[in-house]
Every structure is written in structure tokens, then in C-alpha cells.
């Protein structure tokens, strides 16, 4: 499986993650056919540096906007401000949405952010190939 994320979407996610430091940021990604063209930042209601909980009204507004734009929910995104871009035990436990990519952006080293994607089935994560085209692509 592959997920293509527009460069401007990646940059927006990175800005959101950096602005939320030292807390985790979160959001939803939409598009079509594995191509992310929209990002909706959602408030982390827990305001935590170790986990996130999307504020329901923001989450519903994002899903409504996706539907009105005839886009699909492709990914659930959050940042890891101080840990690697991997599914934590809590991330795996709370991965309820089937057929979705879970995106994690580590900014533990702000000079070299890392974005990784995973699908989850039966409590196990599998990597997803993430492609962010360069400006020259």
C-alpha cells in the first residue's frame, strides 16, 4: 500500500506539529485513490505530550467538510514530539478505524522530521509506503 501526500499538506502538518510543541498535534487527511490533498488540524482535547484525543466537534466538522468536497478519509495523523515515528502501545490499542492509514510525524529532532504510516489489523501494525513529492516532481 502507498499513500501520496502533497508537499503543501506535509508542510502544513509539520507546521502544526511544531506549533503544538511540546504537546502532540492531531488531524485528519482526506483525498482520493490514496492521494492526500486535504489536511484538517483537530484540537488535541487532552493537551498532552504523550497522547492525543481529537476534540469531537472538530473531528465531525472535518468529516463533514470531506464529504461536502466528495473526498474520502484516508488517514488519521498525529505527532510525536519526543519519540520516534512508530505506533506506541497506546496508538495500537486505540486504532479502531479499519481501512485507514495512521500517520505519525516525529519531530524529536526538529531538523529532521520523520513521517511514517501504518495500517492496523488485529492489534498489529504494518508499514505503509509514504510518498511526499519534492517541489521538482
N, C-alpha and C. Protein backbone atom coordinates (compact mmCIF):
# COMPACT_ATOMS: atom_id res chain seq x y z
N UNK A 1 0.84 -1.19 0.00
CA UNK A 1 0.00 0.00 0.00
C UNK A 1 0.88 1.24 0.00
N UNK A 2 0.39 2.27 -0.68
CA UNK A 2 1.14 3.52 -0.78
C UNK A 2 0.18 4.69 -0.55
N UNK A 3 0.67 5.72 0.14
CA UNK A 3 -0.09 6.94 0.35
C UNK A 3 0.76 8.10 -0.14
N UNK A 4 0.21 8.87 -1.08
CA UNK A 4 0.91 10.03 -1.61
C UNK A 4 0.36 11.26 -0.90
N UNK A 5 1.26 12.07 -0.35
CA UNK A 5 0.86 13.27 0.39
C UNK A 5 1.45 14.48 -0.31
N UNK A 6 0.59 15.37 -0.75
CA UNK A 6 1.05 16.59 -1.41
C UNK A 6 2.05 17.32 -0.51
N UNK A 7 3.06 17.94 -1.12
CA UNK A 7 4.10 18.65 -0.37
C UNK A 7 3.51 19.73 0.54
N UNK A 8 2.53 20.49 0.03
CA UNK A 8 1.95 21.55 0.86
C UNK A 8 1.20 20.97 2.07
N UNK A 9 0.62 19.79 1.92
CA UNK A 9 -0.06 19.12 3.04
C UNK A 9 0.98 18.69 4.07
N UNK A 10 2.07 18.08 3.62
CA UNK A 10 3.15 17.69 4.52
C UNK A 10 3.66 18.92 5.28
N UNK A 11 3.89 20.01 4.57
CA UNK A 11 4.40 21.23 5.22
C UNK A 11 3.42 21.76 6.26
N UNK A 12 2.13 21.68 5.98
CA UNK A 12 1.11 22.12 6.93
C UNK A 12 1.12 21.23 8.18
N UNK A 13 1.25 19.92 7.98
CA UNK A 13 1.32 19.01 9.12
C UNK A 13 2.56 19.31 9.97
N UNK A 14 3.68 19.56 9.32
CA UNK A 14 4.91 19.87 10.05
C UNK A 14 4.75 21.16 10.86
N UNK A 15 4.14 22.17 10.26
CA UNK A 15 3.90 23.43 10.99
C UNK A 15 2.99 23.19 12.20
N UNK A 16 1.96 22.38 12.03
CA UNK A 16 1.03 22.08 13.13
C UNK A 16 1.75 21.34 14.25
N UNK A 17 2.58 20.38 13.89
CA UNK A 17 3.33 19.62 14.90
C UNK A 17 4.29 20.53 15.65
N UNK A 18 4.98 21.39 14.93
CA UNK A 18 5.95 22.30 15.54
C UNK A 18 5.25 23.32 16.44
N UNK A 19 4.12 23.85 15.98
CA UNK A 19 3.39 24.85 16.76
C UNK A 19 2.85 24.27 18.06
N UNK A 20 2.51 22.99 18.05
CA UNK A 20 1.94 22.35 19.24
C UNK A 20 2.99 21.96 20.28
N UNK A 21 4.25 21.96 19.90
CA UNK A 21 5.31 21.54 20.82
C UNK A 21 5.13 22.19 22.18
N UNK A 22 5.32 21.50 23.26
CA UNK A 22 5.76 20.11 23.39
C UNK A 22 4.61 19.10 23.39
N UNK A 23 3.41 19.52 23.02
CA UNK A 23 2.25 18.63 23.02
C UNK A 23 2.11 17.92 21.68
N UNK A 24 1.35 16.84 21.68
CA UNK A 24 1.04 16.15 20.43
C UNK A 24 -0.02 16.94 19.68
N UNK A 25 0.12 16.99 18.38
CA UNK A 25 -0.88 17.58 17.49
C UNK A 25 -1.60 16.44 16.78
N UNK A 26 -2.79 16.72 16.24
CA UNK A 26 -3.51 15.66 15.55
C UNK A 26 -4.38 16.25 14.45
N UNK A 27 -4.80 15.38 13.55
CA UNK A 27 -5.64 15.83 12.45
C UNK A 27 -6.08 14.68 11.56
N UNK A 28 -6.85 15.03 10.54
CA UNK A 28 -7.37 14.07 9.58
C UNK A 28 -6.92 14.45 8.18
N UNK A 29 -6.68 13.43 7.37
CA UNK A 29 -6.24 13.65 5.99
C UNK A 29 -7.27 13.05 5.03
N UNK A 30 -7.60 13.82 4.02
CA UNK A 30 -8.57 13.35 3.05
C UNK A 30 -8.03 13.44 1.63
N UNK A 31 -8.69 12.74 0.74
CA UNK A 31 -8.31 12.75 -0.66
C UNK A 31 -9.04 11.64 -1.39
N UNK A 32 -8.42 11.17 -2.46
CA UNK A 32 -9.00 10.09 -3.25
C UNK A 32 -7.89 9.18 -3.76
N UNK A 33 -8.22 7.92 -3.88
CA UNK A 33 -7.33 6.94 -4.50
C UNK A 33 -5.92 6.97 -3.92
N UNK A 34 -5.82 7.07 -2.60
CA UNK A 34 -4.51 7.04 -1.95
C UNK A 34 -3.69 8.30 -2.12
N UNK A 35 -4.32 9.39 -2.50
CA UNK A 35 -3.63 10.66 -2.75
C UNK A 35 -4.21 11.72 -1.81
N UNK A 36 -3.45 12.10 -0.79
CA UNK A 36 -3.91 13.08 0.21
C UNK A 36 -3.80 14.48 -0.36
N UNK A 37 -4.95 15.16 -0.40
CA UNK A 37 -5.00 16.53 -0.93
C UNK A 37 -5.55 17.53 0.08
N UNK A 38 -6.05 17.05 1.23
CA UNK A 38 -6.58 17.94 2.26
C UNK A 38 -6.14 17.48 3.63
N UNK A 39 -5.86 18.46 4.49
CA UNK A 39 -5.49 18.19 5.88
C UNK A 39 -6.35 19.06 6.77
N UNK A 40 -6.92 18.46 7.79
CA UNK A 40 -7.74 19.17 8.76
C UNK A 40 -7.10 19.00 10.13
N UNK A 41 -6.56 20.08 10.66
CA UNK A 41 -6.00 20.03 12.01
C UNK A 41 -7.15 19.96 13.00
N UNK A 42 -7.01 19.11 13.99
CA UNK A 42 -8.03 18.92 15.01
C UNK A 42 -7.38 19.18 16.37
N UNK A 43 -8.09 19.86 17.24
CA UNK A 43 -7.55 20.18 18.56
C UNK A 43 -7.36 18.90 19.37
N UNK A 44 -6.20 18.77 20.00
CA UNK A 44 -5.94 17.67 20.92
C UNK A 44 -6.58 18.04 22.25
N UNK A 45 -7.76 17.50 22.50
CA UNK A 45 -8.54 17.85 23.70
C UNK A 45 -7.80 17.52 24.99
N UNK A 46 -6.89 16.56 24.95
CA UNK A 46 -6.15 16.18 26.15
C UNK A 46 -4.95 17.09 26.42
N UNK A 47 -4.55 17.87 25.43
CA UNK A 47 -3.38 18.77 25.57
C UNK A 47 -2.24 18.03 26.28
N UNK A 48 -1.84 16.90 25.69
CA UNK A 48 -0.84 16.03 26.29
C UNK A 48 0.38 15.90 25.38
N UNK A 49 1.53 15.63 26.01
CA UNK A 49 2.74 15.37 25.23
C UNK A 49 2.94 13.88 24.99
N UNK A 50 2.01 13.04 25.48
CA UNK A 50 2.16 11.59 25.35
C UNK A 50 1.03 10.92 24.58
N UNK A 51 -0.07 11.62 24.38
CA UNK A 51 -1.19 11.02 23.64
C UNK A 51 -2.09 12.13 23.11
N UNK A 52 -3.03 11.73 22.27
CA UNK A 52 -3.96 12.71 21.73
C UNK A 52 -5.38 12.16 21.81
N UNK A 53 -6.30 13.09 21.85
CA UNK A 53 -7.72 12.78 21.84
C UNK A 53 -8.37 13.90 21.03
N UNK A 54 -8.86 13.56 19.85
CA UNK A 54 -9.41 14.59 18.98
C UNK A 54 -10.68 15.18 19.57
N UNK A 55 -10.77 16.51 19.56
CA UNK A 55 -11.98 17.18 20.02
C UNK A 55 -13.11 16.80 19.07
N UNK A 56 -14.19 16.19 19.59
CA UNK A 56 -15.24 15.65 18.72
C UNK A 56 -15.83 16.66 17.74
N UNK A 57 -16.09 17.88 18.18
CA UNK A 57 -16.71 18.85 17.27
C UNK A 57 -15.80 19.18 16.10
N UNK A 58 -14.47 19.21 16.32
CA UNK A 58 -13.52 19.44 15.23
C UNK A 58 -13.49 18.24 14.29
N UNK A 59 -13.50 17.06 14.89
CA UNK A 59 -13.46 15.83 14.10
C UNK A 59 -14.70 15.73 13.21
N UNK A 60 -15.87 15.99 13.76
CA UNK A 60 -17.10 15.93 12.97
C UNK A 60 -17.11 16.99 11.88
N UNK A 61 -16.62 18.18 12.19
CA UNK A 61 -16.57 19.25 11.18
C UNK A 61 -15.66 18.85 10.03
N UNK A 62 -14.53 18.23 10.34
CA UNK A 62 -13.59 17.79 9.29
C UNK A 62 -14.23 16.72 8.41
N UNK A 63 -14.90 15.76 9.02
CA UNK A 63 -15.55 14.70 8.24
C UNK A 63 -16.67 15.28 7.38
N UNK A 64 -17.41 16.22 7.91
CA UNK A 64 -18.47 16.88 7.14
C UNK A 64 -17.87 17.62 5.94
N UNK A 65 -16.76 18.32 6.17
CA UNK A 65 -16.09 19.03 5.07
C UNK A 65 -15.60 18.05 4.01
N UNK A 66 -15.02 16.93 4.45
CA UNK A 66 -14.57 15.90 3.50
C UNK A 66 -15.72 15.44 2.62
N UNK A 67 -16.84 15.14 3.25
CA UNK A 67 -17.99 14.65 2.49
C UNK A 67 -18.49 15.71 1.51
N UNK A 68 -18.52 16.97 1.96
CA UNK A 68 -19.01 18.03 1.07
C UNK A 68 -18.08 18.23 -0.12
N UNK A 69 -16.80 17.91 0.05
CA UNK A 69 -15.84 18.02 -1.04
C UNK A 69 -15.70 16.71 -1.82
N UNK A 70 -16.54 15.73 -1.47
CA UNK A 70 -16.54 14.41 -2.10
C UNK A 70 -15.17 13.73 -2.01
N UNK A 71 -14.56 13.86 -0.83
CA UNK A 71 -13.28 13.22 -0.56
C UNK A 71 -13.48 12.11 0.46
N UNK A 72 -12.51 11.21 0.51
CA UNK A 72 -12.53 10.11 1.46
C UNK A 72 -11.58 10.41 2.61
N UNK A 73 -11.91 9.91 3.80
CA UNK A 73 -10.97 9.96 4.92
C UNK A 73 -9.91 8.91 4.65
N UNK A 74 -8.67 9.34 4.46
CA UNK A 74 -7.58 8.42 4.12
C UNK A 74 -6.66 8.13 5.30
N UNK A 75 -6.51 9.11 6.21
CA UNK A 75 -5.53 8.92 7.28
C UNK A 75 -5.89 9.72 8.52
N UNK A 76 -5.47 9.18 9.65
CA UNK A 76 -5.51 9.86 10.93
C UNK A 76 -4.07 10.17 11.28
N UNK A 77 -3.79 11.45 11.54
CA UNK A 77 -2.42 11.92 11.75
C UNK A 77 -2.23 12.42 13.17
N UNK A 78 -1.06 12.16 13.72
CA UNK A 78 -0.66 12.83 14.96
C UNK A 78 0.85 12.91 15.04
N UNK A 79 1.31 13.79 15.90
CA UNK A 79 2.75 13.99 16.04
C UNK A 79 3.26 13.31 17.31
N UNK A 80 4.53 12.98 17.26
CA UNK A 80 5.27 12.51 18.43
C UNK A 80 6.37 13.54 18.68
N UNK A 81 6.17 14.42 19.65
CA UNK A 81 7.14 15.50 19.86
C UNK A 81 8.52 15.04 20.35
N UNK A 82 8.57 13.90 21.04
CA UNK A 82 9.84 13.50 21.63
C UNK A 82 10.20 12.03 21.40
N UNK A 83 9.39 11.33 20.61
CA UNK A 83 9.64 9.90 20.39
C UNK A 83 9.62 9.60 18.89
N UNK A 84 10.11 8.43 18.50
CA UNK A 84 10.15 8.07 17.08
C UNK A 84 8.77 7.97 16.44
N UNK A 85 8.74 7.98 15.13
CA UNK A 85 7.51 7.84 14.34
C UNK A 85 7.16 6.36 14.25
N UNK A 86 6.62 5.85 15.33
CA UNK A 86 6.22 4.45 15.40
C UNK A 86 4.91 4.37 16.18
N UNK A 87 4.20 3.29 15.98
CA UNK A 87 2.95 3.08 16.72
C UNK A 87 3.31 2.68 18.15
N UNK A 88 2.89 3.49 19.10
CA UNK A 88 3.10 3.15 20.50
C UNK A 88 2.06 2.11 20.90
N UNK A 89 2.22 1.53 22.08
CA UNK A 89 1.24 0.56 22.57
C UNK A 89 -0.14 1.20 22.65
N UNK A 90 -0.20 2.46 23.09
CA UNK A 90 -1.49 3.16 23.17
C UNK A 90 -2.06 3.43 21.78
N UNK A 91 -1.19 3.82 20.83
CA UNK A 91 -1.65 4.03 19.46
C UNK A 91 -2.30 2.76 18.92
N UNK A 92 -1.66 1.63 19.13
CA UNK A 92 -2.20 0.35 18.66
C UNK A 92 -3.52 0.02 19.35
N UNK A 93 -3.58 0.25 20.63
CA UNK A 93 -4.78 -0.06 21.40
C UNK A 93 -5.97 0.78 20.94
N UNK A 94 -5.70 2.03 20.54
CA UNK A 94 -6.78 2.94 20.16
C UNK A 94 -7.02 3.03 18.65
N UNK A 95 -6.40 2.15 17.89
CA UNK A 95 -6.55 2.14 16.42
C UNK A 95 -7.82 1.39 16.05
N UNK A 96 -8.95 2.08 16.18
CA UNK A 96 -10.26 1.45 15.97
C UNK A 96 -10.74 1.52 14.52
N UNK A 97 -10.23 2.45 13.76
CA UNK A 97 -10.79 2.70 12.43
C UNK A 97 -10.18 1.75 11.40
N UNK A 98 -11.02 0.88 10.82
CA UNK A 98 -10.48 -0.05 9.82
C UNK A 98 -10.21 0.66 8.50
N UNK A 99 -9.35 0.08 7.70
CA UNK A 99 -9.06 0.56 6.35
C UNK A 99 -8.62 2.03 6.32
N UNK A 100 -7.81 2.40 7.28
CA UNK A 100 -7.31 3.77 7.37
C UNK A 100 -5.80 3.70 7.59
N UNK A 101 -5.10 4.74 7.17
CA UNK A 101 -3.67 4.82 7.45
C UNK A 101 -3.49 5.70 8.68
N UNK A 102 -2.68 5.24 9.59
CA UNK A 102 -2.32 6.02 10.77
C UNK A 102 -0.96 6.65 10.48
N UNK A 103 -0.95 7.97 10.40
CA UNK A 103 0.28 8.72 10.12
C UNK A 103 0.85 9.26 11.42
N UNK A 104 2.15 9.08 11.60
CA UNK A 104 2.83 9.61 12.78
C UNK A 104 4.04 10.41 12.32
N UNK A 105 4.10 11.65 12.78
CA UNK A 105 5.21 12.53 12.45
C UNK A 105 6.04 12.76 13.71
N UNK A 106 7.27 12.28 13.69
CA UNK A 106 8.18 12.53 14.81
C UNK A 106 8.94 13.82 14.55
N UNK A 107 8.92 14.68 15.56
CA UNK A 107 9.74 15.89 15.49
C UNK A 107 10.70 15.91 16.69
N UNK A 108 11.07 14.69 17.12
CA UNK A 108 12.03 14.56 18.22
C UNK A 108 13.32 15.29 17.87
N UNK A 109 13.71 15.23 16.61
CA UNK A 109 14.82 16.04 16.09
C UNK A 109 14.20 16.99 15.08
N UNK A 110 13.89 18.23 15.50
CA UNK A 110 13.19 19.15 14.61
C UNK A 110 13.88 19.41 13.28
N UNK A 111 15.18 19.21 13.22
CA UNK A 111 15.92 19.43 11.97
C UNK A 111 15.65 18.32 10.95
N UNK A 112 15.23 17.16 11.43
CA UNK A 112 14.96 16.03 10.53
C UNK A 112 13.66 15.33 10.94
N UNK A 113 12.51 15.96 10.65
CA UNK A 113 11.24 15.31 10.97
C UNK A 113 11.08 14.01 10.18
N UNK A 114 10.36 13.07 10.77
CA UNK A 114 10.13 11.77 10.13
C UNK A 114 8.63 11.51 10.11
N UNK A 115 8.10 11.19 8.93
CA UNK A 115 6.69 10.84 8.78
C UNK A 115 6.60 9.39 8.34
N UNK A 116 5.84 8.61 9.09
CA UNK A 116 5.64 7.19 8.75
C UNK A 116 4.16 6.88 8.82
N UNK A 117 3.77 5.88 8.05
CA UNK A 117 2.37 5.46 8.02
C UNK A 117 2.23 3.98 8.31
N UNK A 118 1.08 3.63 8.88
CA UNK A 118 0.81 2.25 9.26
C UNK A 118 -0.67 1.93 9.07
N UNK A 119 -0.94 0.69 8.75
CA UNK A 119 -2.29 0.16 8.88
C UNK A 119 -2.27 -0.75 10.09
N UNK A 120 -3.44 -0.97 10.67
CA UNK A 120 -3.52 -1.82 11.86
C UNK A 120 -4.62 -2.84 11.66
N UNK A 121 -4.28 -4.10 11.91
CA UNK A 121 -5.25 -5.19 11.86
C UNK A 121 -4.92 -6.16 12.98
N UNK A 122 -5.93 -6.52 13.73
CA UNK A 122 -5.78 -7.47 14.83
C UNK A 122 -4.68 -7.06 15.80
N UNK A 123 -4.58 -5.76 16.06
CA UNK A 123 -3.62 -5.25 17.04
C UNK A 123 -2.19 -5.18 16.56
N UNK A 124 -1.97 -5.42 15.28
CA UNK A 124 -0.61 -5.37 14.72
C UNK A 124 -0.52 -4.31 13.65
N UNK A 125 0.59 -3.60 13.65
CA UNK A 125 0.79 -2.56 12.64
C UNK A 125 1.64 -3.07 11.50
N UNK A 126 1.33 -2.56 10.31
CA UNK A 126 2.09 -2.86 9.10
C UNK A 126 2.45 -1.54 8.45
N UNK A 127 3.70 -1.40 7.99
CA UNK A 127 4.11 -0.12 7.40
C UNK A 127 3.42 0.14 6.06
N UNK A 128 3.23 1.41 5.79
CA UNK A 128 2.67 1.89 4.53
C UNK A 128 3.73 2.77 3.89
N UNK A 129 3.90 2.62 2.60
CA UNK A 129 4.86 3.44 1.86
C UNK A 129 4.28 4.86 1.75
N UNK A 130 5.00 5.85 2.30
CA UNK A 130 4.57 7.24 2.25
C UNK A 130 5.45 7.97 1.23
N UNK A 131 4.78 8.65 0.29
CA UNK A 131 5.49 9.40 -0.74
C UNK A 131 5.09 10.87 -0.62
N UNK A 132 6.09 11.72 -0.45
CA UNK A 132 5.87 13.17 -0.44
C UNK A 132 6.71 13.72 -1.58
N UNK A 133 6.05 14.06 -2.70
CA UNK A 133 6.81 14.54 -3.85
C UNK A 133 7.61 15.81 -3.50
N UNK A 134 8.79 15.90 -4.06
CA UNK A 134 9.58 17.11 -3.89
C UNK A 134 9.01 18.19 -4.80
N UNK A 135 9.43 19.41 -4.59
CA UNK A 135 8.91 20.51 -5.40
C UNK A 135 9.21 20.34 -6.87
N UNK A 136 10.27 19.60 -7.22
CA UNK A 136 10.64 19.43 -8.62
C UNK A 136 9.92 18.25 -9.28
N UNK A 137 9.19 17.43 -8.48
CA UNK A 137 8.49 16.27 -9.07
C UNK A 137 7.29 16.66 -9.87
